[in-house]
Amino acid sequence: MLQLANEIKEILNLTREPVGVKFSKKQDAIGLMNRYDHETKSRYCQALMRAGNGEKIMLTAENISCPASAAAFGLKPLPEMLSTGMMLNNMGLFATPEAGKKAMEGMTRLSPNEYQAVLLSPLANIEVEPDVVVLESAVEHLMWTALASIYKTGERLHFNSAIFQATCVDATVIPFVTGNINASLGCYGCREATNINDGEGLIGIPFNKFEEVISNLRSLAEKPMVRARSKSAFQSFKGCGE
């Protein structure tokens, strides 16, 4: 894991750690409790931020503080104010409760009580094989990662988002459930509750595709990445006007 984490950080120039996320049964999580903070109350987006800064966090029904992400992970039922769309309408995120309700109905969620814990750790020192690797970084970094996922196929990517629950649903649950990468522009919650920058977004990569993505990033880094980052065409264009 350390080699994979270091390689993607070096290729993309990441400033945050790639985060490994593991959905865990209670009996599997118990043995890791002494290594993971399972007491601090936290939203999932905040736990992701902390893991990107080197911490290890375990979220359960007892310490997850966001009702939307708790429902997304099957840890708690979705509160009525969210399911009806009233809360999203009251927050000003959607024009009507009906629009908010439709957004919530479209969320991909895990089955209730299927898992009892969500582990988040820097990929470099995670103790278990993660289900998903999440990158929270500059859009240019996400672009190369997305391209790496289709480097050998050329297929079109179809990202799935309601611009709400960006970290928990878009970047974590959807890649886990579908087996495909998914990118997100972020959402009100993570931008209000974490230090994510205006120019940053997220991408979630199923771990079983992570090594292939890194292999393809190596190929992209040999020529197109170097050329794009040099902005040689832009420099030539600027020179024409001087």
C-alpha atoms as a PDB file:
ATOM      1  CA  MET A   1       0.000   0.000   0.000  1.00  0.00           C
ATOM      2  CA  LEU A   2       2.829   2.356   0.855  1.00  0.00           C
ATOM      3  CA  GLN A   3       4.359   2.040  -2.616  1.00  0.00           C
ATOM      4  CA  LEU A   4       1.008   2.596  -4.342  1.00  0.00           C
ATOM      5  CA  ALA A   5       0.228   5.609  -2.181  1.00  0.00           C
ATOM      6  CA  ASN A   6       3.650   7.164  -2.735  1.00  0.00           C
ATOM      7  CA  GLU A   7       3.529   6.597  -6.465  1.00  0.00           C
ATOM      8  CA  ILE A   8       0.177   8.261  -7.051  1.00  0.00           C
ATOM      9  CA  LYS A   9       1.177  11.158  -4.800  1.00  0.00           C
ATOM     10  CA  GLU A  10       4.375  11.661  -6.789  1.00  0.00           C
ATOM     11  CA  ILE A  11       2.774  11.388 -10.241  1.00  0.00           C
ATOM     12  CA  LEU A  12      -0.118  13.729  -9.476  1.00  0.00           C
ATOM     13  CA  ASN A  13       1.662  16.045  -7.004  1.00  0.00           C
ATOM     14  CA  LEU A  14      -0.986  15.388  -4.366  1.00  0.00           C
ATOM     15  CA  THR A  15      -0.862  17.492  -1.215  1.00  0.00           C
ATOM     16  CA  ARG A  16      -3.271  15.255   0.712  1.00  0.00           C
ATOM     17  CA  GLU A  17      -2.910  11.559   1.404  1.00  0.00           C
ATOM     18  CA  PRO A  18      -4.967   9.191  -0.752  1.00  0.00           C
ATOM     19  CA  VAL A  19      -7.541   7.764   1.661  1.00  0.00           C
ATOM     20  CA  GLY A  20      -8.440   4.102   1.888  1.00  0.00           C
ATOM     21  CA  VAL A  21     -12.033   3.435   2.953  1.00  0.00           C
ATOM     22  CA  LYS A  22     -13.224   0.075   4.236  1.00  0.00           C
ATOM     23  CA  PHE A  23     -16.784  -0.952   5.096  1.00  0.00           C
ATOM     24  CA  SER A  24     -16.518  -3.306   8.033  1.00  0.00           C
ATOM     25  CA  LYS A  25     -18.596  -5.756  10.023  1.00  0.00           C
ATOM     26  CA  LYS A  26     -18.620  -5.201  13.774  1.00  0.00           C
ATOM     27  CA  GLN A  27     -16.517  -8.267  14.573  1.00  0.00           C
ATOM     28  CA  ASP A  28     -13.838  -7.195  12.100  1.00  0.00           C
ATOM     29  CA  ALA A  29     -13.738  -3.624  13.376  1.00  0.00           C
ATOM     30  CA  ILE A  30     -13.317  -4.494  17.058  1.00  0.00           C
ATOM     31  CA  GLY A  31      -9.689  -5.534  16.663  1.00  0.00           C
ATOM     32  CA  LEU A  32      -8.801  -2.179  15.078  1.00  0.00           C
ATOM     33  CA  MET A  33     -10.469   0.088  17.611  1.00  0.00           C
ATOM     34  CA  ASN A  34      -7.241   0.818  19.473  1.00  0.00           C
ATOM     35  CA  ARG A  35      -5.698   2.174  16.258  1.00  0.00           C
ATOM     36  CA  TYR A  36      -8.650   4.211  15.026  1.00  0.00           C
ATOM     37  CA  ASP A  37     -10.396   7.160  16.630  1.00  0.00           C
ATOM     38  CA  HIS A  38     -13.894   5.769  17.156  1.00  0.00           C
ATOM     39  CA  GLU A  39     -15.019   8.275  19.796  1.00  0.00           C
ATOM     40  CA  THR A  40     -14.794  11.749  18.227  1.00  0.00           C
ATOM     41  CA  LYS A  41     -18.124  12.735  16.725  1.00  0.00           C
ATOM     42  CA  SER A  42     -17.573  13.610  13.087  1.00  0.00           C
ATOM     43  CA  ARG A  43     -19.246  14.004   9.749  1.00  0.00           C
ATOM     44  CA  TYR A  44     -17.946  11.662   7.068  1.00  0.00           C
ATOM     45  CA  CYS A  45     -16.542  14.558   5.043  1.00  0.00           C
ATOM     46  CA  GLN A  46     -14.622  15.676   8.136  1.00  0.00           C
ATOM     47  CA  ALA A  47     -13.321  12.154   8.722  1.00  0.00           C
ATOM     48  CA  LEU A  48     -12.145  12.076   5.103  1.00  0.00           C
ATOM     49  CA  MET A  49     -10.383  15.408   5.619  1.00  0.00           C
ATOM     50  CA  ARG A  50      -8.675  14.093   8.743  1.00  0.00           C
ATOM     51  CA  ALA A  51      -7.585  10.862   7.055  1.00  0.00           C
ATOM     52  CA  GLY A  52      -6.169  12.916   4.187  1.00  0.00           C
ATOM     53  CA  ASN A  53      -4.022  14.639   6.842  1.00  0.00           C
ATOM     54  CA  GLY A  54      -2.738  11.373   8.275  1.00  0.00           C
ATOM     55  CA  GLU A  55      -5.310  10.336  10.903  1.00  0.00           C
ATOM     56  CA  LYS A  56      -7.176   7.026  11.265  1.00  0.00           C
ATOM     57  CA  ILE A  57     -10.904   7.236  11.935  1.00  0.00           C
ATOM     58  CA  MET A  58     -13.647   4.701  12.532  1.00  0.00           C
ATOM     59  CA  LEU A  59     -17.218   5.884  12.059  1.00  0.00           C
ATOM     60  CA  THR A  60     -20.084   3.949  13.602  1.00  0.00           C
ATOM     61  CA  ALA A  61     -23.708   4.682  14.449  1.00  0.00           C
ATOM     62  CA  GLU A  62     -22.458   6.061  17.769  1.00  0.00           C
ATOM     63  CA  ASN A  63     -20.078   8.730  16.493  1.00  0.00           C
ATOM     64  CA  ILE A  64     -21.162   9.673  12.974  1.00  0.00           C
ATOM     65  CA  SER A  65     -22.740  13.113  13.240  1.00  0.00           C
ATOM     66  CA  CYS A  66     -24.224  13.562   9.759  1.00  0.00           C
ATOM     67  CA  PRO A  67     -27.642  11.924   9.320  1.00  0.00           C
ATOM     68  CA  ALA A  68     -27.371  11.876   5.529  1.00  0.00           C
ATOM     69  CA  SER A  69     -24.072   9.975   5.466  1.00  0.00           C
ATOM     70  CA  ALA A  70     -25.205   7.711   8.310  1.00  0.00           C
ATOM     71  CA  ALA A  71     -28.141   6.653   6.124  1.00  0.00           C
ATOM     72  CA  ALA A  72     -25.898   6.318   3.058  1.00  0.00           C
ATOM     73  CA  PHE A  73     -23.752   3.787   4.909  1.00  0.00           C
ATOM     74  CA  GLY A  74     -26.752   1.949   6.365  1.00  0.00           C
ATOM     75  CA  LEU A  75     -25.770   2.910   9.908  1.00  0.00           C
ATOM     76  CA  LYS A  76     -28.991   4.791  10.722  1.00  0.00           C
ATOM     77  CA  PRO A  77     -32.394   5.376   9.102  1.00  0.00           C
ATOM     78  CA  LEU A  78     -32.835   8.509   7.012  1.00  0.00           C
ATOM     79  CA  PRO A  79     -34.675  11.212   9.023  1.00  0.00           C
ATOM     80  CA  GLU A  80     -38.034  12.338   7.674  1.00  0.00           C
ATOM     81  CA  MET A  81     -36.881  15.940   7.238  1.00  0.00           C
ATOM     82  CA  LEU A  82     -34.311  14.657   4.737  1.00  0.00           C
ATOM     83  CA  SER A  83     -36.418  12.027   3.020  1.00  0.00           C
ATOM     84  CA  THR A  84     -39.241  14.515   2.357  1.00  0.00           C
ATOM     85  CA  GLY A  85     -36.855  17.108   0.957  1.00  0.00           C
ATOM     86  CA  MET A  86     -37.926  19.682   3.534  1.00  0.00           C
ATOM     87  CA  MET A  87     -34.446  20.141   4.998  1.00  0.00           C
ATOM     88  CA  LEU A  88     -32.815  20.656   1.604  1.00  0.00           C
ATOM     89  CA  ASN A  89     -35.495  23.164   0.678  1.00  0.00           C
ATOM     90  CA  ASN A  90     -35.117  24.978   4.011  1.00  0.00           C
ATOM     91  CA  MET A  91     -31.352  25.137   3.462  1.00  0.00           C
ATOM     92  CA  GLY A  92     -31.950  26.804   0.117  1.00  0.00           C
ATOM     93  CA  LEU A  93     -30.301  24.002  -1.858  1.00  0.00           C
ATOM     94  CA  PHE A  94     -33.390  23.090  -3.877  1.00  0.00           C
ATOM     95  CA  ALA A  95     -36.284  25.268  -4.989  1.00  0.00           C
ATOM     96  CA  THR A  96     -39.011  23.040  -3.571  1.00  0.00           C
ATOM     97  CA  PRO A  97     -39.354  20.156  -1.112  1.00  0.00           C
ATOM     98  CA  GLU A  98     -40.317  17.994  -4.092  1.00  0.00           C
ATOM     99  CA  ALA A  99     -36.984  18.696  -5.789  1.00  0.00           C
ATOM    100  CA  GLY A 100     -35.140  17.932  -2.555  1.00  0.00           C
ATOM    101  CA  LYS A 101     -37.120  14.728  -2.133  1.00  0.00           C
ATOM    102  CA  LYS A 102     -36.244  13.617  -5.656  1.00  0.00           C
ATOM    103  CA  ALA A 103     -32.562  14.290  -4.985  1.00  0.00           C
ATOM    104  CA  MET A 104     -32.679  12.165  -1.834  1.00  0.00           C
ATOM    105  CA  GLU A 105     -34.588   9.368  -3.554  1.00  0.00           C
ATOM    106  CA  GLY A 106     -31.811   9.141  -6.130  1.00  0.00           C
ATOM    107  CA  MET A 107     -29.051   8.585  -3.569  1.00  0.00           C
ATOM    108  CA  THR A 108     -27.227   5.262  -3.711  1.00  0.00           C
ATOM    109  CA  ARG A 109     -27.189   3.764  -0.208  1.00  0.00           C
ATOM    110  CA  LEU A 110     -25.954   0.594   1.446  1.00  0.00           C
ATOM    111  CA  SER A 111     -28.494  -1.728   3.020  1.00  0.00           C
ATOM    112  CA  PRO A 112     -29.387  -0.976   6.658  1.00  0.00           C
ATOM    113  CA  ASN A 113     -27.055  -2.715   9.129  1.00  0.00           C
ATOM    114  CA  GLU A 114     -25.123  -4.472   6.364  1.00  0.00           C
ATOM    115  CA  TYR A 115     -21.986  -2.889   7.828  1.00  0.00           C
ATOM    116  CA  GLN A 116     -21.435  -1.484  11.302  1.00  0.00           C
ATOM    117  CA  ALA A 117     -18.300   0.615  10.765  1.00  0.00           C
ATOM    118  CA  VAL A 118     -16.546   2.703   8.153  1.00  0.00           C
ATOM    119  CA  LEU A 119     -12.756   2.787   8.427  1.00  0.00           C
ATOM    120  CA  LEU A 120     -10.777   5.678   6.977  1.00  0.00           C
ATOM    121  CA  SER A 121      -6.987   5.681   6.863  1.00  0.00           C
ATOM    122  CA  PRO A 122      -4.202   7.123   4.770  1.00  0.00           C
ATOM    123  CA  LEU A 123      -3.720   4.479   2.098  1.00  0.00           C
ATOM    124  CA  ALA A 124      -0.020   4.294   2.916  1.00  0.00           C
ATOM    125  CA  ASN A 125      -0.577   2.614   6.291  1.00  0.00           C
ATOM    126  CA  ILE A 126      -4.036   1.061   6.170  1.00  0.00           C
ATOM    127  CA  GLU A 127      -4.101  -2.372   7.857  1.00  0.00           C
ATOM    128  CA  VAL A 128      -6.778  -3.933   5.652  1.00  0.00           C
ATOM    129  CA  GLU A 129      -7.487  -3.969   1.945  1.00  0.00           C
ATOM    130  CA  PRO A 130      -9.733  -0.968   1.323  1.00  0.00           C
ATOM    131  CA  ASP A 131     -12.899  -1.078  -0.720  1.00  0.00           C
ATOM    132  CA  VAL A 132     -12.423   2.382  -2.215  1.00  0.00           C
ATOM    133  CA  VAL A 133      -9.591   4.890  -2.513  1.00  0.00           C
ATOM    134  CA  VAL A 134     -10.722   8.510  -2.360  1.00  0.00           C
ATOM    135  CA  LEU A 135      -8.700  11.426  -3.681  1.00  0.00           C
ATOM    136  CA  GLU A 136      -9.654  14.928  -2.568  1.00  0.00           C
ATOM    137  CA  SER A 137      -7.560  17.193  -4.713  1.00  0.00           C
ATOM    138  CA  ALA A 138      -7.223  19.708  -7.528  1.00  0.00           C
ATOM    139  CA  VAL A 139      -9.393  19.182 -10.581  1.00  0.00           C
ATOM    140  CA  GLU A 140      -6.305  18.633 -12.769  1.00  0.00           C
ATOM    141  CA  HIS A 141      -5.327  15.671 -10.580  1.00  0.00           C
ATOM    142  CA  LEU A 142      -8.820  14.209 -10.867  1.00  0.00           C
ATOM    143  CA  MET A 143      -8.742  14.701 -14.644  1.00  0.00           C
ATOM    144  CA  TRP A 144      -5.616  12.568 -15.084  1.00  0.00           C
ATOM    145  CA  THR A 145      -6.994   9.929 -12.726  1.00  0.00           C
ATOM    146  CA  ALA A 146     -10.244   9.745 -14.674  1.00  0.00           C
ATOM    147  CA  LEU A 147      -8.356   9.526 -17.962  1.00  0.00           C
ATOM    148  CA  ALA A 148      -6.181   6.764 -16.538  1.00  0.00           C
ATOM    149  CA  SER A 149      -9.326   4.742 -15.811  1.00  0.00           C
ATOM    150  CA  ILE A 150     -10.220   4.677 -19.545  1.00  0.00           C
ATOM    151  CA  TYR A 151      -6.691   4.797 -20.954  1.00  0.00           C
ATOM    152  CA  LYS A 152      -6.984   1.344 -22.516  1.00  0.00           C
ATOM    153  CA  THR A 153     -10.673   1.384 -23.426  1.00  0.00           C
ATOM    154  CA  GLY A 154     -11.544   4.898 -24.578  1.00  0.00           C
ATOM    155  CA  GLU A 155     -15.051   4.524 -23.205  1.00  0.00           C
ATOM    156  CA  ARG A 156     -16.954   7.584 -22.057  1.00  0.00           C
ATOM    157  CA  LEU A 157     -17.276   8.287 -18.358  1.00  0.00           C
ATOM    158  CA  HIS A 158     -20.630   8.948 -16.751  1.00  0.00           C
ATOM    159  CA  PHE A 159     -20.298  10.620 -13.384  1.00  0.00           C
ATOM    160  CA  ASN A 160     -23.219  10.441 -10.976  1.00  0.00           C
ATOM    161  CA  SER A 161     -24.003  13.302  -8.584  1.00  0.00           C
ATOM    162  CA  ALA A 162     -26.836  15.371  -7.142  1.00  0.00           C
ATOM    163  CA  ILE A 163     -24.306  17.933  -5.800  1.00  0.00           C
ATOM    164  CA  PHE A 164     -25.266  16.738  -2.328  1.00  0.00           C
ATOM    165  CA  GLN A 165     -23.546  14.005  -0.283  1.00  0.00           C
ATOM    166  CA  ALA A 166     -20.460  14.399  -2.463  1.00  0.00           C
ATOM    167  CA  THR A 167     -17.981  12.650  -0.202  1.00  0.00           C
ATOM    168  CA  CYS A 168     -20.138   9.867   1.218  1.00  0.00           C
ATOM    169  CA  VAL A 169     -22.317   8.937  -1.757  1.00  0.00           C
ATOM    170  CA  ASP A 170     -20.544  10.263  -4.852  1.00  0.00           C
ATOM    171  CA  ALA A 171     -16.938   9.454  -3.964  1.00  0.00           C
ATOM    172  CA  THR A 172     -17.423   6.417  -1.732  1.00  0.00           C
ATOM    173  CA  VAL A 173     -20.712   4.501  -1.926  1.00  0.00           C
ATOM    174  CA  ILE A 174     -21.190   4.733  -5.694  1.00  0.00           C
ATOM    175  CA  PRO A 175     -17.682   3.420  -6.553  1.00  0.00           C
ATOM    176  CA  PHE A 176     -18.168   0.654  -3.981  1.00  0.00           C
ATOM    177  CA  VAL A 177     -21.582  -0.417  -5.272  1.00  0.00           C
ATOM    178  CA  THR A 178     -21.007   0.001  -9.014  1.00  0.00           C
ATOM    179  CA  GLY A 179     -17.357  -1.007  -9.220  1.00  0.00           C
ATOM    180  CA  ASN A 180     -16.653   2.091 -11.315  1.00  0.00           C
ATOM    181  CA  ILE A 181     -14.840   5.318 -10.524  1.00  0.00           C
ATOM    182  CA  ASN A 182     -16.998   8.323  -9.773  1.00  0.00           C
ATOM    183  CA  ALA A 183     -16.039  11.974  -9.538  1.00  0.00           C
ATOM    184  CA  SER A 184     -17.784  14.813  -7.747  1.00  0.00           C
ATOM    185  CA  LEU A 185     -17.626  18.592  -7.798  1.00  0.00           C
ATOM    186  CA  GLY A 186     -18.212  18.650  -4.047  1.00  0.00           C
ATOM    187  CA  CYS A 187     -21.322  19.837  -2.232  1.00  0.00           C
ATOM    188  CA  TYR A 188     -22.632  22.318   0.307  1.00  0.00           C
ATOM    189  CA  GLY A 189     -21.827  19.998   3.213  1.00  0.00           C
ATOM    190  CA  CYS A 190     -18.161  19.296   2.540  1.00  0.00           C
ATOM    191  CA  ARG A 191     -17.462  22.878   1.463  1.00  0.00           C
ATOM    192  CA  GLU A 192     -19.026  24.234   4.643  1.00  0.00           C
ATOM    193  CA  ALA A 193     -17.617  21.645   7.054  1.00  0.00           C
ATOM    194  CA  THR A 194     -14.085  20.951   5.794  1.00  0.00           C
ATOM    195  CA  ASN A 195     -11.018  22.707   4.408  1.00  0.00           C
ATOM    196  CA  ILE A 196     -11.594  21.601   0.808  1.00  0.00           C
ATOM    197  CA  ASN A 197     -10.462  24.383  -1.507  1.00  0.00           C
ATOM    198  CA  ASP A 198     -12.614  26.122  -4.114  1.00  0.00           C
ATOM    199  CA  GLY A 199     -10.643  24.498  -6.931  1.00  0.00           C
ATOM    200  CA  GLU A 200     -10.735  20.977  -5.511  1.00  0.00           C
ATOM    201  CA  GLY A 201     -13.107  18.058  -6.023  1.00  0.00           C
ATOM    202  CA  LEU A 202     -13.201  14.348  -5.318  1.00  0.00           C
ATOM    203  CA  ILE A 203     -12.851  11.056  -7.094  1.00  0.00           C
ATOM    204  CA  GLY A 204     -13.482   7.570  -5.733  1.00  0.00           C
ATOM    205  CA  ILE A 205     -11.686   4.564  -7.203  1.00  0.00           C
ATOM    206  CA  PRO A 206     -12.679   0.957  -6.451  1.00  0.00           C
ATOM    207  CA  PHE A 207      -9.564  -0.610  -4.986  1.00  0.00           C
ATOM    208  CA  ASN A 208      -9.673  -3.547  -7.393  1.00  0.00           C
ATOM    209  CA  LYS A 209      -9.027  -1.025 -10.184  1.00  0.00           C
ATOM    210  CA  PHE A 210      -6.506   1.100  -8.340  1.00  0.00           C
ATOM    211  CA  GLU A 211      -3.315  -0.640  -9.496  1.00  0.00           C
ATOM    212  CA  GLU A 212      -4.451  -0.464 -13.111  1.00  0.00           C
ATOM    213  CA  VAL A 213      -5.164   3.269 -12.713  1.00  0.00           C
ATOM    214  CA  ILE A 214      -1.662   3.829 -11.353  1.00  0.00           C
ATOM    215  CA  SER A 215      -0.127   1.767 -14.161  1.00  0.00           C
ATOM    216  CA  ASN A 216      -1.976   3.894 -16.701  1.00  0.00           C
ATOM    217  CA  LEU A 217      -0.973   7.081 -14.887  1.00  0.00           C
ATOM    218  CA  ARG A 218       2.658   6.034 -15.372  1.00  0.00           C
ATOM    219  CA  SER A 219       2.073   5.935 -19.117  1.00  0.00           C
ATOM    220  CA  LEU A 220       0.292   9.284 -19.123  1.00  0.00           C
ATOM    221  CA  ALA A 221       3.099  10.837 -17.094  1.00  0.00           C
ATOM    222  CA  GLU A 222       5.678   9.952 -19.731  1.00  0.00           C
ATOM    223  CA  LYS A 223       4.411  12.374 -22.387  1.00  0.00           C
ATOM    224  CA  PRO A 224       0.930  13.976 -22.287  1.00  0.00           C
ATOM    225  CA  MET A 225       1.080  14.981 -18.632  1.00  0.00           C
ATOM    226  CA  VAL A 226       4.491  16.594 -19.033  1.00  0.00           C
ATOM    227  CA  ARG A 227       3.397  18.482 -22.159  1.00  0.00           C
ATOM    228  CA  ALA A 228       0.089  19.678 -20.700  1.00  0.00           C
ATOM    229  CA  ARG A 229       1.723  20.890 -17.527  1.00  0.00           C
ATOM    230  CA  SER A 230       4.389  22.743 -19.486  1.00  0.00           C
ATOM    231  CA  LYS A 231       1.644  24.755 -21.253  1.00  0.00           C
ATOM    232  CA  SER A 232       3.835  24.912 -24.339  1.00  0.00           C
ATOM    233  CA  ALA A 233       0.901  25.640 -26.671  1.00  0.00           C
ATOM    234  CA  PHE A 234      -0.232  28.474 -24.422  1.00  0.00           C
ATOM    235  CA  GLN A 235       3.277  29.896 -24.270  1.00  0.00           C
ATOM    236  CA  SER A 236       3.486  29.823 -28.083  1.00  0.00           C
ATOM    237  CA  PHE A 237       0.095  31.523 -28.325  1.00  0.00           C
ATOM    238  CA  LYS A 238       1.215  34.254 -25.924  1.00  0.00           C
ATOM    239  CA  GLY A 239       4.346  34.752 -27.978  1.00  0.00           C
ATOM    240  CA  CYS A 240       2.325  35.350 -31.136  1.00  0.00           C
ATOM    241  CA  GLY A 241       0.739  38.409 -29.584  1.00  0.00           C
ATOM    242  CA  GLU A 242       3.939  40.039 -28.434  1.00  0.00           C
END
